[in-house]
């Protein structure tokens, strides 16, 4: 495509010329187009404001549970994904995605299980139909306790 004309008229005339690679001839197309743009705010920011280890009995101590309290700005999310990686955030160990229902204020508590003690990189992504936003943190899990 080599040329197009534009103006402030929403039904502007467009002339397009295409080179035909097979025969060297040109194809001309004339017509009208109309377009609309919808601007959406999207999810602007995600923050992990608290990480709390869940105390369990010895019989439940197979996995360490941690609650992440997350806030966001902008539009309300419809899903949340958590990626647990090594401490360098390079090698992914697990990923969990869940739908969420947030009604008026973006404040979520996300509970995730850790199979063994260690230091992990956590990426929490909140998303909706038009946007995504990410927050990351390092967490040290010590057999039922986290810091």
N, C-alpha and C. Protein backbone atom coordinates (compact mmCIF):
# COMPACT_ATOMS: atom_id res chain seq x y z
N UNK A 1 0.86 -1.17 0.00
CA UNK A 1 0.00 0.00 0.00
C UNK A 1 0.90 1.23 0.00
N UNK A 2 0.62 2.15 -0.91
CA UNK A 2 1.53 3.29 -1.02
C UNK A 2 0.92 4.62 -0.65
N UNK A 3 -0.38 4.75 -0.61
CA UNK A 3 -0.89 6.08 -0.29
C UNK A 3 -2.28 6.03 0.28
N UNK A 4 -2.61 7.01 1.12
CA UNK A 4 -3.94 7.16 1.68
C UNK A 4 -4.14 8.62 2.00
N UNK A 5 -5.34 9.10 1.79
CA UNK A 5 -5.62 10.49 2.15
C UNK A 5 -6.45 10.50 3.41
N UNK A 6 -6.31 11.56 4.20
CA UNK A 6 -7.08 11.66 5.42
C UNK A 6 -7.50 13.10 5.63
N UNK A 7 -8.58 13.26 6.37
CA UNK A 7 -9.07 14.59 6.73
C UNK A 7 -9.81 14.46 8.04
N UNK A 8 -10.32 15.56 8.53
CA UNK A 8 -11.06 15.52 9.78
C UNK A 8 -12.48 15.00 9.57
N UNK A 9 -12.92 14.83 8.34
CA UNK A 9 -14.22 14.28 8.01
C UNK A 9 -14.24 12.80 8.38
N UNK A 10 -15.21 12.35 9.25
CA UNK A 10 -15.21 10.95 9.68
C UNK A 10 -15.48 9.97 8.55
N UNK A 11 -16.02 10.40 7.43
CA UNK A 11 -16.24 9.49 6.30
C UNK A 11 -15.30 9.88 5.16
N UNK A 12 -14.03 9.98 5.46
CA UNK A 12 -13.03 10.44 4.51
C UNK A 12 -12.86 9.46 3.36
N UNK A 13 -12.51 9.99 2.20
CA UNK A 13 -12.23 9.17 1.04
C UNK A 13 -10.82 8.62 1.13
N UNK A 14 -10.67 7.37 0.78
CA UNK A 14 -9.35 6.73 0.83
C UNK A 14 -9.04 6.20 -0.55
N UNK A 15 -7.84 6.49 -1.02
CA UNK A 15 -7.37 5.92 -2.28
C UNK A 15 -6.14 5.08 -1.97
N UNK A 16 -6.18 3.82 -2.36
CA UNK A 16 -5.10 2.90 -2.07
C UNK A 16 -4.55 2.37 -3.39
N UNK A 17 -3.23 2.36 -3.50
CA UNK A 17 -2.59 1.78 -4.67
C UNK A 17 -1.70 0.64 -4.21
N UNK A 18 -1.88 -0.54 -4.81
CA UNK A 18 -1.08 -1.70 -4.45
C UNK A 18 -0.27 -2.15 -5.66
N UNK A 19 0.96 -2.53 -5.43
CA UNK A 19 1.77 -3.13 -6.48
C UNK A 19 1.47 -4.61 -6.55
N UNK A 20 1.26 -5.09 -7.73
CA UNK A 20 1.04 -6.51 -7.93
C UNK A 20 2.39 -7.13 -8.25
N UNK A 21 2.93 -7.98 -7.37
CA UNK A 21 4.28 -8.51 -7.57
C UNK A 21 4.39 -9.44 -8.78
N UNK A 22 3.28 -10.01 -9.23
CA UNK A 22 3.35 -10.96 -10.34
C UNK A 22 3.48 -10.27 -11.69
N UNK A 23 2.67 -9.23 -11.94
CA UNK A 23 2.66 -8.64 -13.27
C UNK A 23 3.13 -7.22 -13.34
N UNK A 24 3.47 -6.61 -12.23
CA UNK A 24 3.93 -5.23 -12.24
C UNK A 24 2.84 -4.22 -12.48
N UNK A 25 1.57 -4.65 -12.54
CA UNK A 25 0.49 -3.68 -12.74
C UNK A 25 0.01 -3.15 -11.39
N UNK A 26 -0.81 -2.12 -11.39
CA UNK A 26 -1.30 -1.48 -10.18
C UNK A 26 -2.80 -1.72 -10.04
N UNK A 27 -3.25 -1.87 -8.81
CA UNK A 27 -4.67 -2.01 -8.51
C UNK A 27 -5.07 -0.77 -7.72
N UNK A 28 -6.10 -0.07 -8.18
CA UNK A 28 -6.61 1.11 -7.48
C UNK A 28 -7.92 0.75 -6.81
N UNK A 29 -8.05 1.17 -5.55
CA UNK A 29 -9.29 0.94 -4.81
C UNK A 29 -9.72 2.27 -4.21
N UNK A 30 -10.95 2.65 -4.43
CA UNK A 30 -11.50 3.88 -3.87
C UNK A 30 -12.67 3.51 -2.98
N UNK A 31 -12.90 4.29 -1.94
CA UNK A 31 -14.04 4.01 -1.07
C UNK A 31 -14.08 4.94 0.11
N UNK A 32 -14.99 4.63 1.04
CA UNK A 32 -15.19 5.42 2.24
C UNK A 32 -15.01 4.50 3.44
N UNK A 33 -14.57 5.08 4.53
CA UNK A 33 -14.49 4.30 5.76
C UNK A 33 -14.95 5.16 6.91
N UNK A 34 -15.37 4.50 7.95
CA UNK A 34 -15.81 5.15 9.17
C UNK A 34 -15.26 4.34 10.33
N UNK A 35 -14.77 5.00 11.36
CA UNK A 35 -14.17 4.30 12.48
C UNK A 35 -14.49 5.00 13.78
N UNK A 36 -14.57 4.24 14.85
CA UNK A 36 -14.78 4.80 16.17
C UNK A 36 -13.72 4.28 17.12
N UNK A 37 -13.34 5.07 18.08
CA UNK A 37 -12.34 4.69 19.07
C UNK A 37 -12.95 4.81 20.45
N UNK A 38 -12.84 3.75 21.23
CA UNK A 38 -13.30 3.77 22.62
C UNK A 38 -12.07 3.78 23.52
N UNK A 39 -12.00 4.75 24.42
CA UNK A 39 -10.88 4.85 25.35
C UNK A 39 -11.32 4.25 26.68
N UNK A 40 -10.54 3.27 27.15
CA UNK A 40 -10.85 2.63 28.42
C UNK A 40 -9.72 2.91 29.40
N UNK A 41 -10.06 2.99 30.68
CA UNK A 41 -9.06 3.33 31.68
C UNK A 41 -8.10 2.17 31.95
N UNK A 42 -8.61 0.97 32.08
CA UNK A 42 -7.75 -0.17 32.35
C UNK A 42 -7.29 -0.21 33.80
N UNK A 43 -6.60 -1.29 34.14
CA UNK A 43 -6.01 -1.44 35.48
C UNK A 43 -4.67 -0.73 35.44
N UNK A 44 -4.52 0.29 36.25
CA UNK A 44 -3.36 1.16 36.17
C UNK A 44 -2.20 0.73 37.06
N UNK A 45 -2.51 0.15 38.21
CA UNK A 45 -1.45 -0.14 39.18
C UNK A 45 -1.89 -1.27 40.11
N UNK A 46 -0.96 -2.14 40.47
CA UNK A 46 -1.21 -3.22 41.43
C UNK A 46 -0.16 -3.13 42.52
N UNK A 47 -0.58 -3.29 43.77
CA UNK A 47 0.34 -3.26 44.90
C UNK A 47 0.05 -4.43 45.84
N UNK A 48 1.09 -5.13 46.26
CA UNK A 48 0.95 -6.15 47.31
C UNK A 48 1.20 -5.41 48.62
N UNK A 49 0.16 -5.25 49.42
CA UNK A 49 0.32 -4.44 50.63
C UNK A 49 0.58 -5.27 51.88
N UNK A 50 0.32 -6.60 51.81
CA UNK A 50 0.57 -7.43 52.99
C UNK A 50 0.74 -8.88 52.56
N UNK A 51 1.66 -9.60 53.24
CA UNK A 51 1.84 -11.04 53.06
C UNK A 51 1.79 -11.66 54.44
N UNK A 52 0.85 -12.61 54.64
CA UNK A 52 0.67 -13.20 55.96
C UNK A 52 0.68 -14.71 55.86
N UNK A 53 1.50 -15.35 56.68
CA UNK A 53 1.53 -16.81 56.76
C UNK A 53 0.32 -17.28 57.53
N UNK A 54 -0.31 -18.36 57.06
CA UNK A 54 -1.47 -18.93 57.74
C UNK A 54 -0.98 -20.04 58.65
N UNK A 55 -1.27 -19.91 59.94
CA UNK A 55 -0.85 -20.92 60.92
C UNK A 55 -1.74 -22.15 60.80
N UNK A 56 -1.12 -23.32 60.70
CA UNK A 56 -1.86 -24.56 60.57
C UNK A 56 -1.41 -25.53 61.64
N UNK A 57 -2.23 -26.57 61.87
CA UNK A 57 -1.85 -27.60 62.82
C UNK A 57 -0.78 -28.48 62.21
N UNK A 58 -0.11 -29.29 63.02
CA UNK A 58 0.97 -30.16 62.52
C UNK A 58 0.46 -31.14 61.47
N UNK A 59 -0.78 -31.61 61.60
CA UNK A 59 -1.32 -32.57 60.64
C UNK A 59 -1.58 -31.90 59.28
N UNK A 60 -1.72 -30.58 59.25
CA UNK A 60 -1.95 -29.86 58.00
C UNK A 60 -0.67 -29.26 57.43
N UNK A 61 0.47 -29.52 58.04
CA UNK A 61 1.70 -28.80 57.73
C UNK A 61 2.40 -29.26 56.44
N UNK A 62 1.72 -30.01 55.57
CA UNK A 62 2.36 -30.43 54.33
C UNK A 62 2.71 -29.22 53.45
N UNK A 63 1.81 -28.27 53.34
CA UNK A 63 2.03 -27.07 52.54
C UNK A 63 1.98 -25.84 53.44
N UNK A 64 2.79 -24.86 53.13
CA UNK A 64 2.71 -23.58 53.82
C UNK A 64 1.76 -22.69 53.03
N UNK A 65 0.80 -22.08 53.71
CA UNK A 65 -0.15 -21.19 53.06
C UNK A 65 0.19 -19.75 53.37
N UNK A 66 0.13 -18.89 52.35
CA UNK A 66 0.40 -17.47 52.53
C UNK A 66 -0.74 -16.69 51.88
N UNK A 67 -1.26 -15.70 52.62
CA UNK A 67 -2.27 -14.79 52.07
C UNK A 67 -1.58 -13.52 51.60
N UNK A 68 -1.88 -13.10 50.37
CA UNK A 68 -1.38 -11.86 49.80
C UNK A 68 -2.55 -10.89 49.70
N UNK A 69 -2.42 -9.73 50.32
CA UNK A 69 -3.45 -8.70 50.21
C UNK A 69 -2.98 -7.73 49.12
N UNK A 70 -3.84 -7.56 48.11
CA UNK A 70 -3.48 -6.81 46.91
C UNK A 70 -4.49 -5.72 46.67
N UNK A 71 -3.99 -4.54 46.30
CA UNK A 71 -4.87 -3.43 45.90
C UNK A 71 -4.53 -3.04 44.46
N UNK A 72 -5.47 -2.33 43.82
CA UNK A 72 -5.19 -1.84 42.48
C UNK A 72 -5.91 -0.51 42.25
N UNK A 73 -5.46 0.18 41.23
CA UNK A 73 -6.06 1.45 40.81
C UNK A 73 -6.59 1.29 39.39
N UNK A 74 -7.60 2.05 39.05
CA UNK A 74 -8.17 1.99 37.71
C UNK A 74 -9.39 1.10 37.69
N UNK A 75 -9.59 0.41 36.57
CA UNK A 75 -10.77 -0.45 36.46
C UNK A 75 -10.62 -1.69 37.33
N UNK A 76 -11.73 -2.36 37.60
CA UNK A 76 -11.74 -3.51 38.48
C UNK A 76 -11.36 -4.78 37.73
N UNK A 77 -10.52 -5.63 38.31
CA UNK A 77 -10.08 -6.85 37.62
C UNK A 77 -11.17 -7.91 37.59
N UNK A 78 -11.05 -8.81 36.62
CA UNK A 78 -11.95 -9.96 36.52
C UNK A 78 -11.21 -11.27 36.73
N UNK A 79 -9.88 -11.23 36.69
CA UNK A 79 -9.10 -12.44 36.96
C UNK A 79 -7.77 -12.08 37.59
N UNK A 80 -7.21 -13.07 38.30
CA UNK A 80 -5.92 -12.91 38.96
C UNK A 80 -5.07 -14.14 38.66
N UNK A 81 -3.81 -13.90 38.29
CA UNK A 81 -2.86 -14.99 38.05
C UNK A 81 -1.66 -14.79 38.97
N UNK A 82 -1.20 -15.89 39.55
CA UNK A 82 -0.03 -15.86 40.41
C UNK A 82 1.02 -16.80 39.83
N UNK A 83 2.20 -16.27 39.58
CA UNK A 83 3.32 -17.08 39.09
C UNK A 83 4.35 -17.14 40.21
N UNK A 84 4.70 -18.36 40.61
CA UNK A 84 5.73 -18.58 41.63
C UNK A 84 6.99 -19.01 40.89
N UNK A 85 8.09 -18.28 41.12
CA UNK A 85 9.35 -18.56 40.43
C UNK A 85 10.48 -18.68 41.44
N UNK A 86 11.65 -19.01 40.92
CA UNK A 86 12.85 -19.05 41.75
C UNK A 86 13.19 -17.63 42.21
N UNK A 87 14.13 -17.46 43.14
CA UNK A 87 14.44 -16.13 43.69
C UNK A 87 14.90 -15.11 42.65
N UNK A 88 15.41 -15.58 41.50
CA UNK A 88 15.84 -14.64 40.46
C UNK A 88 14.70 -14.21 39.55
N UNK A 89 13.52 -14.79 39.74
CA UNK A 89 12.32 -14.54 38.92
C UNK A 89 12.51 -15.02 37.48
N UNK A 90 13.43 -15.96 37.26
CA UNK A 90 13.72 -16.44 35.91
C UNK A 90 13.07 -17.79 35.60
N UNK A 91 13.01 -18.69 36.57
CA UNK A 91 12.50 -20.04 36.34
C UNK A 91 11.17 -20.21 37.06
N UNK A 92 10.10 -20.35 36.27
CA UNK A 92 8.76 -20.50 36.83
C UNK A 92 8.56 -21.88 37.42
N UNK A 93 7.99 -21.94 38.63
CA UNK A 93 7.72 -23.22 39.29
C UNK A 93 6.24 -23.59 39.18
N UNK A 94 5.35 -22.60 39.26
CA UNK A 94 3.92 -22.87 39.13
C UNK A 94 3.19 -21.59 38.74
N UNK A 95 2.00 -21.79 38.15
CA UNK A 95 1.14 -20.66 37.79
C UNK A 95 -0.30 -21.05 38.08
N UNK A 96 -1.02 -20.17 38.76
CA UNK A 96 -2.42 -20.39 39.09
C UNK A 96 -3.21 -19.15 38.68
N UNK A 97 -4.29 -19.36 37.93
CA UNK A 97 -5.18 -18.26 37.54
C UNK A 97 -6.59 -18.56 38.03
N UNK A 98 -7.25 -17.53 38.54
CA UNK A 98 -8.61 -17.67 39.05
C UNK A 98 -9.43 -16.46 38.65
N UNK A 99 -10.72 -16.66 38.35
CA UNK A 99 -11.60 -15.50 38.16
C UNK A 99 -11.87 -14.85 39.52
N UNK A 100 -12.07 -13.54 39.54
CA UNK A 100 -12.40 -12.84 40.78
C UNK A 100 -13.58 -11.92 40.52
N UNK A 101 -14.33 -11.66 41.58
CA UNK A 101 -15.43 -10.72 41.51
C UNK A 101 -15.12 -9.59 42.48
N UNK A 102 -14.88 -8.40 41.95
CA UNK A 102 -14.60 -7.21 42.76
C UNK A 102 -15.72 -6.23 42.46
N UNK A 103 -16.42 -5.77 43.49
CA UNK A 103 -17.63 -4.97 43.25
C UNK A 103 -17.39 -3.47 43.22
N UNK A 104 -16.72 -2.91 44.21
CA UNK A 104 -16.60 -1.45 44.20
C UNK A 104 -15.20 -0.94 44.55
N UNK A 105 -14.43 -1.71 45.31
CA UNK A 105 -13.08 -1.29 45.70
C UNK A 105 -12.12 -2.43 45.39
N UNK A 106 -10.99 -2.10 44.83
CA UNK A 106 -10.03 -3.14 44.44
C UNK A 106 -9.17 -3.50 45.64
N UNK A 107 -9.63 -4.49 46.41
CA UNK A 107 -8.90 -5.02 47.55
C UNK A 107 -9.14 -6.52 47.57
N UNK A 108 -8.09 -7.30 47.30
CA UNK A 108 -8.22 -8.75 47.19
C UNK A 108 -7.30 -9.45 48.17
N UNK A 109 -7.73 -10.61 48.66
CA UNK A 109 -6.86 -11.49 49.41
C UNK A 109 -6.70 -12.76 48.60
N UNK A 110 -5.46 -13.09 48.27
CA UNK A 110 -5.14 -14.24 47.43
C UNK A 110 -4.35 -15.23 48.28
N UNK A 111 -4.84 -16.46 48.43
CA UNK A 111 -4.15 -17.48 49.21
C UNK A 111 -3.44 -18.45 48.27
N UNK A 112 -2.15 -18.67 48.54
CA UNK A 112 -1.37 -19.59 47.73
C UNK A 112 -0.60 -20.54 48.64
N UNK A 113 -0.41 -21.78 48.15
CA UNK A 113 0.29 -22.82 48.90
C UNK A 113 1.70 -22.98 48.37
N UNK A 114 2.64 -23.24 49.28
CA UNK A 114 4.04 -23.49 48.95
C UNK A 114 4.39 -24.87 49.51
N UNK A 115 4.89 -25.74 48.63
CA UNK A 115 5.14 -27.13 49.02
C UNK A 115 6.35 -27.29 49.92
N UNK A 116 7.33 -26.42 49.79
CA UNK A 116 8.54 -26.58 50.60
C UNK A 116 9.10 -25.22 50.99
N UNK A 117 9.86 -25.17 52.09
CA UNK A 117 10.48 -23.91 52.50
C UNK A 117 11.44 -23.40 51.43
N UNK A 118 11.64 -22.09 51.40
CA UNK A 118 12.57 -21.50 50.46
C UNK A 118 12.22 -20.06 50.16
N UNK A 119 13.01 -19.45 49.30
CA UNK A 119 12.76 -18.08 48.86
C UNK A 119 12.17 -18.14 47.46
N UNK A 120 11.11 -17.39 47.25
CA UNK A 120 10.39 -17.41 45.99
C UNK A 120 10.16 -15.99 45.49
N UNK A 121 10.07 -15.87 44.17
CA UNK A 121 9.63 -14.64 43.52
C UNK A 121 8.15 -14.84 43.18
N UNK A 122 7.33 -13.90 43.57
CA UNK A 122 5.89 -13.97 43.32
C UNK A 122 5.51 -12.86 42.36
N UNK A 123 4.86 -13.21 41.26
CA UNK A 123 4.29 -12.23 40.34
C UNK A 123 2.78 -12.38 40.38
N UNK A 124 2.09 -11.32 40.76
CA UNK A 124 0.63 -11.32 40.79
C UNK A 124 0.14 -10.38 39.69
N UNK A 125 -0.65 -10.94 38.76
CA UNK A 125 -1.18 -10.17 37.65
C UNK A 125 -2.68 -10.08 37.78
N UNK A 126 -3.20 -8.85 37.77
CA UNK A 126 -4.64 -8.62 37.73
C UNK A 126 -5.01 -8.23 36.31
N UNK A 127 -6.11 -8.76 35.80
CA UNK A 127 -6.51 -8.46 34.43
C UNK A 127 -8.00 -8.29 34.28
N UNK A 128 -8.37 -7.62 33.20
CA UNK A 128 -9.76 -7.54 32.77
C UNK A 128 -9.76 -7.72 31.25
N UNK A 129 -10.86 -7.40 30.59
CA UNK A 129 -10.95 -7.63 29.15
C UNK A 129 -9.99 -6.76 28.34
N UNK A 130 -9.53 -5.64 28.91
CA UNK A 130 -8.73 -4.70 28.12
C UNK A 130 -7.34 -4.41 28.67
N UNK A 131 -7.02 -4.90 29.87
CA UNK A 131 -5.73 -4.51 30.43
C UNK A 131 -5.24 -5.54 31.45
N UNK A 132 -3.96 -5.41 31.78
CA UNK A 132 -3.33 -6.21 32.83
C UNK A 132 -2.33 -5.34 33.57
N UNK A 133 -2.14 -5.64 34.85
CA UNK A 133 -1.12 -4.96 35.64
C UNK A 133 -0.48 -5.98 36.57
N UNK A 134 0.80 -5.76 36.88
CA UNK A 134 1.60 -6.75 37.59
C UNK A 134 2.26 -6.15 38.82
N UNK A 135 2.35 -6.95 39.88
CA UNK A 135 3.15 -6.61 41.06
C UNK A 135 4.01 -7.82 41.39
N UNK A 136 5.23 -7.58 41.84
CA UNK A 136 6.16 -8.65 42.18
C UNK A 136 6.70 -8.47 43.59
N UNK A 137 7.06 -9.59 44.22
CA UNK A 137 7.67 -9.54 45.54
C UNK A 137 8.50 -10.79 45.75
N UNK A 138 9.50 -10.69 46.61
CA UNK A 138 10.26 -11.85 47.06
C UNK A 138 9.69 -12.27 48.41
N UNK A 139 9.53 -13.58 48.60
CA UNK A 139 9.00 -14.07 49.86
C UNK A 139 9.85 -15.25 50.32
N UNK A 140 10.10 -15.31 51.63
CA UNK A 140 10.83 -16.42 52.21
C UNK A 140 9.84 -17.25 53.01
N UNK A 141 9.68 -18.51 52.63
CA UNK A 141 8.75 -19.41 53.30
C UNK A 141 9.56 -20.40 54.12
N UNK A 142 9.28 -20.45 55.43
CA UNK A 142 10.05 -21.29 56.35
C UNK A 142 9.13 -22.31 57.03
N UNK A 143 8.69 -23.31 56.34
CA UNK A 143 7.90 -24.40 56.93
C UNK A 143 6.71 -23.92 57.70
N UNK A 144 5.84 -23.15 57.10
CA UNK A 144 4.65 -22.67 57.76
C UNK A 144 4.73 -21.23 58.18
N UNK A 145 5.91 -20.64 58.13
CA UNK A 145 6.05 -19.22 58.46
C UNK A 145 6.69 -18.53 57.29
N UNK A 146 6.25 -17.28 57.02
CA UNK A 146 6.85 -16.51 55.92
C UNK A 146 7.27 -15.15 56.43
N UNK A 147 8.25 -14.55 55.74
CA UNK A 147 8.72 -13.22 56.11
C UNK A 147 8.76 -12.34 54.91
